[in-house]
Amino acid sequence: MAVLRELFSDSERGSQFKSPPPELPELVGFQGIDEGDRAFVELAVDQDDGITLVTTDTKLMAAVNSLGLPGRYRFSVQSPQDVLPALSRG
């Protein structure tokens, strides 16, 4: 949650928070997306096009893809194994 706190915090205004990302009702109760995952998915949806949600949770990846969220909100969801080679190339 420290990562979420950092992303929501506004360094110019101390410890105040920016508006949280929009809630996606389709995530509630969807198999593969638990309560703790929702905030990360909603944060990915709220970012600029092209963000990558990196997770080792294969059930979460399958759920996000089956809901069509990456195409609808223009982000990707990938495993660390898929992302690390691209990062190491610079």
PDB file of N, CA and C in Angstrom:
ATOM      1  N   MET A   1       0.805  -1.205   0.000  1.00  0.00           N
ATOM      2  CA  MET A   1       0.000   0.000   0.000  1.00  0.00           C
ATOM      3  C   MET A   1       0.845   1.265   0.000  1.00  0.00           C
ATOM      4  N   ALA A   2       2.124   1.142   0.344  1.00  0.00           N
ATOM      5  CA  ALA A   2       3.003   2.309   0.317  1.00  0.00           C
ATOM      6  C   ALA A   2       3.104   2.870  -1.096  1.00  0.00           C
ATOM      7  N   VAL A   3       3.113   1.983  -2.092  1.00  0.00           N
ATOM      8  CA  VAL A   3       3.173   2.432  -3.482  1.00  0.00           C
ATOM      9  C   VAL A   3       1.930   3.234  -3.823  1.00  0.00           C
ATOM     10  N   LEU A   4       0.762   2.751  -3.430  1.00  0.00           N
ATOM     11  CA  LEU A   4      -0.468   3.486  -3.698  1.00  0.00           C
ATOM     12  C   LEU A   4      -0.458   4.825  -2.985  1.00  0.00           C
ATOM     13  N   ARG A   5       0.001   4.840  -1.736  1.00  0.00           N
ATOM     14  CA  ARG A   5       0.060   6.090  -0.978  1.00  0.00           C
ATOM     15  C   ARG A   5       0.943   7.102  -1.705  1.00  0.00           C
ATOM     16  N   GLU A   6       2.086   6.649  -2.211  1.00  0.00           N
ATOM     17  CA  GLU A   6       2.995   7.539  -2.919  1.00  0.00           C
ATOM     18  C   GLU A   6       2.361   8.073  -4.193  1.00  0.00           C
ATOM     19  N   LEU A   7       1.651   7.217  -4.927  1.00  0.00           N
ATOM     20  CA  LEU A   7       1.025   7.659  -6.164  1.00  0.00           C
ATOM     21  C   LEU A   7      -0.123   8.626  -5.924  1.00  0.00           C
ATOM     22  N   PHE A   8      -0.830   8.442  -4.808  1.00  0.00           N
ATOM     23  CA  PHE A   8      -1.939   9.324  -4.504  1.00  0.00           C
ATOM     24  C   PHE A   8      -1.500  10.626  -3.840  1.00  0.00           C
ATOM     25  N   SER A   9      -0.320  10.633  -3.233  1.00  0.00           N
ATOM     26  CA  SER A   9       0.088  11.824  -2.490  1.00  0.00           C
ATOM     27  C   SER A   9       0.504  12.928  -3.444  1.00  0.00           C
ATOM     28  N   ASP A  10       0.336  14.110  -3.015  1.00  0.00           N
ATOM     29  CA  ASP A  10       0.688  15.280  -3.801  1.00  0.00           C
ATOM     30  C   ASP A  10       1.838  15.965  -3.074  1.00  0.00           C
ATOM     31  N   SER A  11       3.048  15.841  -3.606  1.00  0.00           N
ATOM     32  CA  SER A  11       4.231  16.351  -2.916  1.00  0.00           C
ATOM     33  C   SER A  11       4.194  17.858  -2.729  1.00  0.00           C
ATOM     34  N   GLU A  12       3.464  18.573  -3.558  1.00  0.00           N
ATOM     35  CA  GLU A  12       3.385  20.029  -3.429  1.00  0.00           C
ATOM     36  C   GLU A  12       2.476  20.452  -2.281  1.00  0.00           C
ATOM     37  N   ARG A  13       1.626  19.525  -1.807  1.00  0.00           N
ATOM     38  CA  ARG A  13       0.699  19.874  -0.730  1.00  0.00           C
ATOM     39  C   ARG A  13       0.876  18.965   0.482  1.00  0.00           C
ATOM     40  N   GLY A  14       2.087  18.483   0.694  1.00  0.00           N
ATOM     41  CA  GLY A  14       2.350  17.672   1.874  1.00  0.00           C
ATOM     42  C   GLY A  14       1.676  16.326   1.809  1.00  0.00           C
ATOM     43  N   SER A  15       0.944  15.981   2.859  1.00  0.00           N
ATOM     44  CA  SER A  15       0.365  14.642   2.959  1.00  0.00           C
ATOM     45  C   SER A  15      -1.069  14.554   2.451  1.00  0.00           C
ATOM     46  N   GLN A  16      -1.560  15.594   1.816  1.00  0.00           N
ATOM     47  CA  GLN A  16      -2.903  15.522   1.263  1.00  0.00           C
ATOM     48  C   GLN A  16      -2.917  14.559   0.084  1.00  0.00           C
ATOM     49  N   PHE A  17      -4.070  14.030  -0.222  1.00  0.00           N
ATOM     50  CA  PHE A  17      -4.184  13.053  -1.287  1.00  0.00           C
ATOM     51  C   PHE A  17      -4.907  13.621  -2.494  1.00  0.00           C
ATOM     52  N   LYS A  18      -4.484  13.169  -3.657  1.00  0.00           N
ATOM     53  CA  LYS A  18      -5.206  13.461  -4.885  1.00  0.00           C
ATOM     54  C   LYS A  18      -6.487  12.648  -4.865  1.00  0.00           C
ATOM     55  N   SER A  19      -7.350  12.902  -5.801  1.00  0.00           N
ATOM     56  CA  SER A  19      -8.582  12.108  -5.893  1.00  0.00           C
ATOM     57  C   SER A  19      -8.224  10.668  -6.210  1.00  0.00           C
ATOM     58  N   PRO A  20      -8.880   9.717  -5.559  1.00  0.00           N
ATOM     59  CA  PRO A  20      -8.597   8.308  -5.868  1.00  0.00           C
ATOM     60  C   PRO A  20      -9.100   7.962  -7.266  1.00  0.00           C
ATOM     61  N   PRO A  21      -8.565   6.882  -7.838  1.00  0.00           N
ATOM     62  CA  PRO A  21      -9.032   6.477  -9.163  1.00  0.00           C
ATOM     63  C   PRO A  21     -10.491   6.053  -9.120  1.00  0.00           C
ATOM     64  N   PRO A  22     -11.134   6.014 -10.275  1.00  0.00           N
ATOM     65  CA  PRO A  22     -12.548   5.630 -10.301  1.00  0.00           C
ATOM     66  C   PRO A  22     -12.740   4.176  -9.887  1.00  0.00           C
ATOM     67  N   GLU A  23     -13.831   3.919  -9.208  1.00  0.00           N
ATOM     68  CA  GLU A  23     -14.163   2.541  -8.861  1.00  0.00           C
ATOM     69  C   GLU A  23     -14.825   1.879 -10.056  1.00  0.00           C
ATOM     70  N   LEU A  24     -14.478   0.632 -10.286  1.00  0.00           N
ATOM     71  CA  LEU A  24     -15.055  -0.123 -11.392  1.00  0.00           C
ATOM     72  C   LEU A  24     -15.967  -1.187 -10.821  1.00  0.00           C
ATOM     73  N   PRO A  25     -17.280  -0.994 -10.898  1.00  0.00           N
ATOM     74  CA  PRO A  25     -18.219  -1.943 -10.301  1.00  0.00           C
ATOM     75  C   PRO A  25     -18.069  -3.362 -10.828  1.00  0.00           C
ATOM     76  N   GLU A  26     -17.607  -3.524 -12.070  1.00  0.00           N
ATOM     77  CA  GLU A  26     -17.478  -4.860 -12.633  1.00  0.00           C
ATOM     78  C   GLU A  26     -16.396  -5.694 -11.941  1.00  0.00           C
ATOM     79  N   LEU A  27     -15.528  -5.050 -11.156  1.00  0.00           N
ATOM     80  CA  LEU A  27     -14.490  -5.778 -10.436  1.00  0.00           C
ATOM     81  C   LEU A  27     -15.010  -6.435  -9.168  1.00  0.00           C
ATOM     82  N   VAL A  28     -16.079  -5.878  -8.599  1.00  0.00           N
ATOM     83  CA  VAL A  28     -16.601  -6.381  -7.330  1.00  0.00           C
ATOM     84  C   VAL A  28     -17.147  -7.792  -7.515  1.00  0.00           C
ATOM     85  N   GLY A  29     -16.577  -8.724  -6.781  1.00  0.00           N
ATOM     86  CA  GLY A  29     -17.047 -10.101  -6.818  1.00  0.00           C
ATOM     87  C   GLY A  29     -16.639 -10.890  -8.037  1.00  0.00           C
ATOM     88  N   PHE A  30     -15.854 -10.298  -8.947  1.00  0.00           N
ATOM     89  CA  PHE A  30     -15.441 -11.036 -10.143  1.00  0.00           C
ATOM     90  C   PHE A  30     -14.365 -12.037  -9.754  1.00  0.00           C
ATOM     91  N   GLN A  31     -14.543 -13.282 -10.159  1.00  0.00           N
ATOM     92  CA  GLN A  31     -13.608 -14.349  -9.792  1.00  0.00           C
ATOM     93  C   GLN A  31     -12.219 -14.026 -10.309  1.00  0.00           C
ATOM     94  N   GLY A  32     -11.237 -14.055  -9.399  1.00  0.00           N
ATOM     95  CA  GLY A  32      -9.852 -13.771  -9.754  1.00  0.00           C
ATOM     96  C   GLY A  32      -9.400 -12.393  -9.338  1.00  0.00           C
ATOM     97  N   ILE A  33     -10.356 -11.533  -8.972  1.00  0.00           N
ATOM     98  CA  ILE A  33     -10.004 -10.184  -8.523  1.00  0.00           C
ATOM     99  C   ILE A  33     -10.486 -10.026  -7.094  1.00  0.00           C
ATOM    100  N   ASP A  34      -9.541 -10.083  -6.149  1.00  0.00           N
ATOM    101  CA  ASP A  34      -9.950  -9.948  -4.756  1.00  0.00           C
ATOM    102  C   ASP A  34      -9.907  -8.481  -4.324  1.00  0.00           C
ATOM    103  N   GLU A  35     -10.366  -8.236  -3.129  1.00  0.00           N
ATOM    104  CA  GLU A  35     -10.462  -6.870  -2.600  1.00  0.00           C
ATOM    105  C   GLU A  35      -9.135  -6.121  -2.707  1.00  0.00           C
ATOM    106  N   GLY A  36      -8.035  -6.798  -2.383  1.00  0.00           N
ATOM    107  CA  GLY A  36      -6.725  -6.161  -2.436  1.00  0.00           C
ATOM    108  C   GLY A  36      -6.253  -5.827  -3.836  1.00  0.00           C
ATOM    109  N   ASP A  37      -6.730  -6.559  -4.833  1.00  0.00           N
ATOM    110  CA  ASP A  37      -6.333  -6.322  -6.222  1.00  0.00           C
ATOM    111  C   ASP A  37      -7.051  -5.138  -6.840  1.00  0.00           C
ATOM    112  N   ARG A  38      -8.250  -4.876  -6.379  1.00  0.00           N
ATOM    113  CA  ARG A  38      -9.087  -3.852  -7.026  1.00  0.00           C
ATOM    114  C   ARG A  38      -8.404  -2.506  -7.111  1.00  0.00           C
ATOM    115  N   ALA A  39      -7.752  -2.072  -6.040  1.00  0.00           N
ATOM    116  CA  ALA A  39      -7.113  -0.753  -6.039  1.00  0.00           C
ATOM    117  C   ALA A  39      -6.017  -0.668  -7.103  1.00  0.00           C
ATOM    118  N   PHE A  40      -5.254  -1.745  -7.282  1.00  0.00           N
ATOM    119  CA  PHE A  40      -4.195  -1.734  -8.279  1.00  0.00           C
ATOM    120  C   PHE A  40      -4.760  -1.689  -9.689  1.00  0.00           C
ATOM    121  N   VAL A  41      -5.815  -2.440  -9.939  1.00  0.00           N
ATOM    122  CA  VAL A  41      -6.445  -2.436 -11.261  1.00  0.00           C
ATOM    123  C   VAL A  41      -7.065  -1.070 -11.534  1.00  0.00           C
ATOM    124  N   GLU A  42      -7.759  -0.515 -10.558  1.00  0.00           N
ATOM    125  CA  GLU A  42      -8.376   0.804 -10.728  1.00  0.00           C
ATOM    126  C   GLU A  42      -7.312   1.877 -10.952  1.00  0.00           C
ATOM    127  N   LEU A  43      -6.179   1.763 -10.296  1.00  0.00           N
ATOM    128  CA  LEU A  43      -5.094   2.713 -10.496  1.00  0.00           C
ATOM    129  C   LEU A  43      -4.531   2.596 -11.904  1.00  0.00           C
ATOM    130  N   ALA A  44      -4.376   1.375 -12.411  1.00  0.00           N
ATOM    131  CA  ALA A  44      -3.890   1.174 -13.779  1.00  0.00           C
ATOM    132  C   ALA A  44      -4.853   1.784 -14.791  1.00  0.00           C
ATOM    133  N   VAL A  45      -6.140   1.618 -14.557  1.00  0.00           N
ATOM    134  CA  VAL A  45      -7.167   2.163 -15.445  1.00  0.00           C
ATOM    135  C   VAL A  45      -7.114   3.689 -15.477  1.00  0.00           C
ATOM    136  N   ASP A  46      -6.747   4.296 -14.367  1.00  0.00           N
ATOM    137  CA  ASP A  46      -6.784   5.755 -14.226  1.00  0.00           C
ATOM    138  C   ASP A  46      -5.542   6.450 -14.774  1.00  0.00           C
ATOM    139  N   GLN A  47      -4.526   5.709 -15.193  1.00  0.00           N
ATOM    140  CA  GLN A  47      -3.287   6.313 -15.671  1.00  0.00           C
ATOM    141  C   GLN A  47      -3.362   6.603 -17.160  1.00  0.00           C
ATOM    142  N   ASP A  48      -2.343   7.315 -17.633  1.00  0.00           N
ATOM    143  CA  ASP A  48      -2.257   7.604 -19.059  1.00  0.00           C
ATOM    144  C   ASP A  48      -2.119   6.312 -19.858  1.00  0.00           C
ATOM    145  N   ASP A  49      -2.450   6.387 -21.132  1.00  0.00           N
ATOM    146  CA  ASP A  49      -2.330   5.218 -22.009  1.00  0.00           C
ATOM    147  C   ASP A  49      -0.934   4.625 -21.928  1.00  0.00           C
ATOM    148  N   GLY A  50      -0.884   3.310 -21.984  1.00  0.00           N
ATOM    149  CA  GLY A  50       0.388   2.638 -22.095  1.00  0.00           C
ATOM    150  C   GLY A  50       0.993   2.122 -20.810  1.00  0.00           C
ATOM    151  N   ILE A  51       0.332   2.302 -19.675  1.00  0.00           N
ATOM    152  CA  ILE A  51       0.877   1.797 -18.422  1.00  0.00           C
ATOM    153  C   ILE A  51       0.809   0.271 -18.432  1.00  0.00           C
ATOM    154  N   THR A  52       1.730  -0.361 -17.717  1.00  0.00           N
ATOM    155  CA  THR A  52       1.740  -1.815 -17.597  1.00  0.00           C
ATOM    156  C   THR A  52       1.527  -2.201 -16.143  1.00  0.00           C
ATOM    157  N   LEU A  53       0.513  -2.990 -15.889  1.00  0.00           N
ATOM    158  CA  LEU A  53       0.266  -3.560 -14.571  1.00  0.00           C
ATOM    159  C   LEU A  53       1.042  -4.872 -14.522  1.00  0.00           C
ATOM    160  N   VAL A  54       2.040  -4.942 -13.653  1.00  0.00           N
ATOM    161  CA  VAL A  54       2.900  -6.121 -13.554  1.00  0.00           C
ATOM    162  C   VAL A  54       2.489  -6.910 -12.320  1.00  0.00           C
ATOM    163  N   THR A  55       2.222  -8.206 -12.524  1.00  0.00           N
ATOM    164  CA  THR A  55       1.786  -9.053 -11.419  1.00  0.00           C
ATOM    165  C   THR A  55       2.194 -10.504 -11.655  1.00  0.00           C
ATOM    166  N   THR A  56       2.409 -11.204 -10.552  1.00  0.00           N
ATOM    167  CA  THR A  56       2.657 -12.649 -10.635  1.00  0.00           C
ATOM    168  C   THR A  56       1.363 -13.434 -10.471  1.00  0.00           C
ATOM    169  N   ASP A  57       0.271 -12.744 -10.224  1.00  0.00           N
ATOM    170  CA  ASP A  57      -1.032 -13.359  -9.972  1.00  0.00           C
ATOM    171  C   ASP A  57      -1.691 -13.724 -11.306  1.00  0.00           C
ATOM    172  N   THR A  58      -1.563 -14.979 -11.697  1.00  0.00           N
ATOM    173  CA  THR A  58      -2.110 -15.414 -12.987  1.00  0.00           C
ATOM    174  C   THR A  58      -3.634 -15.345 -13.022  1.00  0.00           C
ATOM    175  N   LYS A  59      -4.283 -15.546 -11.880  1.00  0.00           N
ATOM    176  CA  LYS A  59      -5.745 -15.426 -11.838  1.00  0.00           C
ATOM    177  C   LYS A  59      -6.170 -13.983 -12.073  1.00  0.00           C
ATOM    178  N   LEU A  60      -5.437 -13.051 -11.499  1.00  0.00           N
ATOM    179  CA  LEU A  60      -5.735 -11.637 -11.721  1.00  0.00           C
ATOM    180  C   LEU A  60      -5.523 -11.270 -13.187  1.00  0.00           C
ATOM    181  N   MET A  61      -4.420 -11.713 -13.771  1.00  0.00           N
ATOM    182  CA  MET A  61      -4.161 -11.424 -15.179  1.00  0.00           C
ATOM    183  C   MET A  61      -5.281 -11.953 -16.062  1.00  0.00           C
ATOM    184  N   ALA A  62      -5.710 -13.185 -15.799  1.00  0.00           N
ATOM    185  CA  ALA A  62      -6.785 -13.786 -16.595  1.00  0.00           C
ATOM    186  C   ALA A  62      -8.092 -13.027 -16.420  1.00  0.00           C
ATOM    187  N   ALA A  63      -8.403 -12.620 -15.197  1.00  0.00           N
ATOM    188  CA  ALA A  63      -9.649 -11.900 -14.930  1.00  0.00           C
ATOM    189  C   ALA A  63      -9.660 -10.543 -15.616  1.00  0.00           C
ATOM    190  N   VAL A  64      -8.565  -9.811 -15.496  1.00  0.00           N
ATOM    191  CA  VAL A  64      -8.471  -8.482 -16.117  1.00  0.00           C
ATOM    192  C   VAL A  64      -8.617  -8.604 -17.630  1.00  0.00           C
ATOM    193  N   ASN A  65      -7.947  -9.588 -18.206  1.00  0.00           N
ATOM    194  CA  ASN A  65      -8.046  -9.784 -19.657  1.00  0.00           C
ATOM    195  C   ASN A  65      -9.430 -10.243 -20.081  1.00  0.00           C
ATOM    196  N   SER A  66     -10.067 -11.121 -19.293  1.00  0.00           N
ATOM    197  CA  SER A  66     -11.399 -11.602 -19.680  1.00  0.00           C
ATOM    198  C   SER A  66     -12.448 -10.498 -19.602  1.00  0.00           C
ATOM    199  N   LEU A  67     -12.240  -9.523 -18.735  1.00  0.00           N
ATOM    200  CA  LEU A  67     -13.149  -8.372 -18.670  1.00  0.00           C
ATOM    201  C   LEU A  67     -12.886  -7.365 -19.792  1.00  0.00           C
ATOM    202  N   GLY A  68     -11.799  -7.548 -20.509  1.00  0.00           N
ATOM    203  CA  GLY A  68     -11.472  -6.633 -21.605  1.00  0.00           C
ATOM    204  C   GLY A  68     -10.962  -5.278 -21.146  1.00  0.00           C
ATOM    205  N   LEU A  69     -10.499  -5.195 -19.910  1.00  0.00           N
ATOM    206  CA  LEU A  69     -10.056  -3.906 -19.370  1.00  0.00           C
ATOM    207  C   LEU A  69      -8.842  -3.316 -20.084  1.00  0.00           C
ATOM    208  N   PRO A  70      -7.828  -4.115 -20.434  1.00  0.00           N
ATOM    209  CA  PRO A  70      -6.678  -3.515 -21.114  1.00  0.00           C
ATOM    210  C   PRO A  70      -7.037  -2.826 -22.427  1.00  0.00           C
ATOM    211  N   GLY A  71      -7.877  -3.439 -23.212  1.00  0.00           N
ATOM    212  CA  GLY A  71      -8.283  -2.809 -24.472  1.00  0.00           C
ATOM    213  C   GLY A  71      -9.150  -1.582 -24.265  1.00  0.00           C
ATOM    214  N   ARG A  72     -10.053  -1.676 -23.301  1.00  0.00           N
ATOM    215  CA  ARG A  72     -10.983  -0.579 -23.044  1.00  0.00           C
ATOM    216  C   ARG A  72     -10.280   0.636 -22.439  1.00  0.00           C
ATOM    217  N   TYR A  73      -9.293   0.399 -21.569  1.00  0.00           N
ATOM    218  CA  TYR A  73      -8.642   1.501 -20.855  1.00  0.00           C
ATOM    219  C   TYR A  73      -7.190   1.709 -21.284  1.00  0.00           C
ATOM    220  N   ARG A  74      -6.751   0.992 -22.295  1.00  0.00           N
ATOM    221  CA  ARG A  74      -5.433   1.167 -22.910  1.00  0.00           C
ATOM    222  C   ARG A  74      -4.262   1.009 -21.939  1.00  0.00           C
ATOM    223  N   PHE A  75      -4.243  -0.142 -21.275  1.00  0.00           N
ATOM    224  CA  PHE A  75      -3.098  -0.524 -20.473  1.00  0.00           C
ATOM    225  C   PHE A  75      -2.837  -1.990 -20.730  1.00  0.00           C
ATOM    226  N   SER A  76      -1.718  -2.495 -20.240  1.00  0.00           N
ATOM    227  CA  SER A  76      -1.437  -3.917 -20.399  1.00  0.00           C
ATOM    228  C   SER A  76      -1.214  -4.543 -19.036  1.00  0.00           C
ATOM    229  N   VAL A  77      -1.391  -5.838 -18.970  1.00  0.00           N
ATOM    230  CA  VAL A  77      -1.124  -6.597 -17.747  1.00  0.00           C
ATOM    231  C   VAL A  77      -0.185  -7.731 -18.141  1.00  0.00           C
ATOM    232  N   GLN A  78       0.970  -7.778 -17.450  1.00  0.00           N
ATOM    233  CA  GLN A  78       1.997  -8.743 -17.807  1.00  0.00           C
ATOM    234  C   GLN A  78       2.667  -9.297 -16.558  1.00  0.00           C
ATOM    235  N   SER A  79       3.317 -10.417 -16.746  1.00  0.00           N
ATOM    236  CA  SER A  79       4.076 -11.019 -15.659  1.00  0.00           C
ATOM    237  C   SER A  79       5.470 -10.376 -15.607  1.00  0.00           C
ATOM    238  N   PRO A  80       6.130 -10.452 -14.455  1.00  0.00           N
ATOM    239  CA  PRO A  80       7.496  -9.924 -14.369  1.00  0.00           C
ATOM    240  C   PRO A  80       8.436 -10.593 -15.382  1.00  0.00           C
ATOM    241  N   GLN A  81       8.239 -11.890 -15.637  1.00  0.00           N
ATOM    242  CA  GLN A  81       9.072 -12.599 -16.580  1.00  0.00           C
ATOM    243  C   GLN A  81       8.978 -11.992 -17.988  1.00  0.00           C
ATOM    244  N   ASP A  82       7.792 -11.470 -18.332  1.00  0.00           N
ATOM    245  CA  ASP A  82       7.603 -10.856 -19.646  1.00  0.00           C
ATOM    246  C   ASP A  82       8.157  -9.436 -19.702  1.00  0.00           C
ATOM    247  N   VAL A  83       8.168  -8.760 -18.578  1.00  0.00           N
ATOM    248  CA  VAL A  83       8.562  -7.348 -18.544  1.00  0.00           C
ATOM    249  C   VAL A  83      10.076  -7.171 -18.357  1.00  0.00           C
ATOM    250  N   LEU A  84      10.689  -8.004 -17.542  1.00  0.00           N
ATOM    251  CA  LEU A  84      12.104  -7.812 -17.209  1.00  0.00           C
ATOM    252  C   LEU A  84      13.061  -7.830 -18.405  1.00  0.00           C
ATOM    253  N   PRO A  85      12.893  -8.708 -19.380  1.00  0.00           N
ATOM    254  CA  PRO A  85      13.803  -8.654 -20.531  1.00  0.00           C
ATOM    255  C   PRO A  85      13.756  -7.312 -21.265  1.00  0.00           C
ATOM    256  N   ALA A  86      12.583  -6.761 -21.427  1.00  0.00           N
ATOM    257  CA  ALA A  86      12.457  -5.463 -22.101  1.00  0.00           C
ATOM    258  C   ALA A  86      13.124  -4.359 -21.295  1.00  0.00           C
ATOM    259  N   LEU A  87      13.022  -4.428 -19.987  1.00  0.00           N
ATOM    260  CA  LEU A  87      13.650  -3.416 -19.134  1.00  0.00           C
ATOM    261  C   LEU A  87      15.167  -3.525 -19.176  1.00  0.00           C
ATOM    262  N   SER A  88      15.686  -4.719 -19.262  1.00  0.00           N
ATOM    263  CA  SER A  88      17.145  -4.907 -19.253  1.00  0.00           C
ATOM    264  C   SER A  88      17.780  -4.444 -20.559  1.00  0.00           C
ATOM    265  N   ARG A  89      16.990  -4.378 -21.621  1.00  0.00           N
ATOM    266  CA  ARG A  89      17.506  -3.886 -22.915  1.00  0.00           C
ATOM    267  C   ARG A  89      17.631  -2.376 -22.920  1.00  0.00           C
ATOM    268  N   GLY A  90      17.020  -1.731 -21.944  1.00  0.00           N
ATOM    269  CA  GLY A  90      17.108  -0.285 -21.850  1.00  0.00           C
ATOM    270  C   GLY A  90      16.037   0.343 -22.612  1.00  0.00           C
TER     271      GLY A  90
END
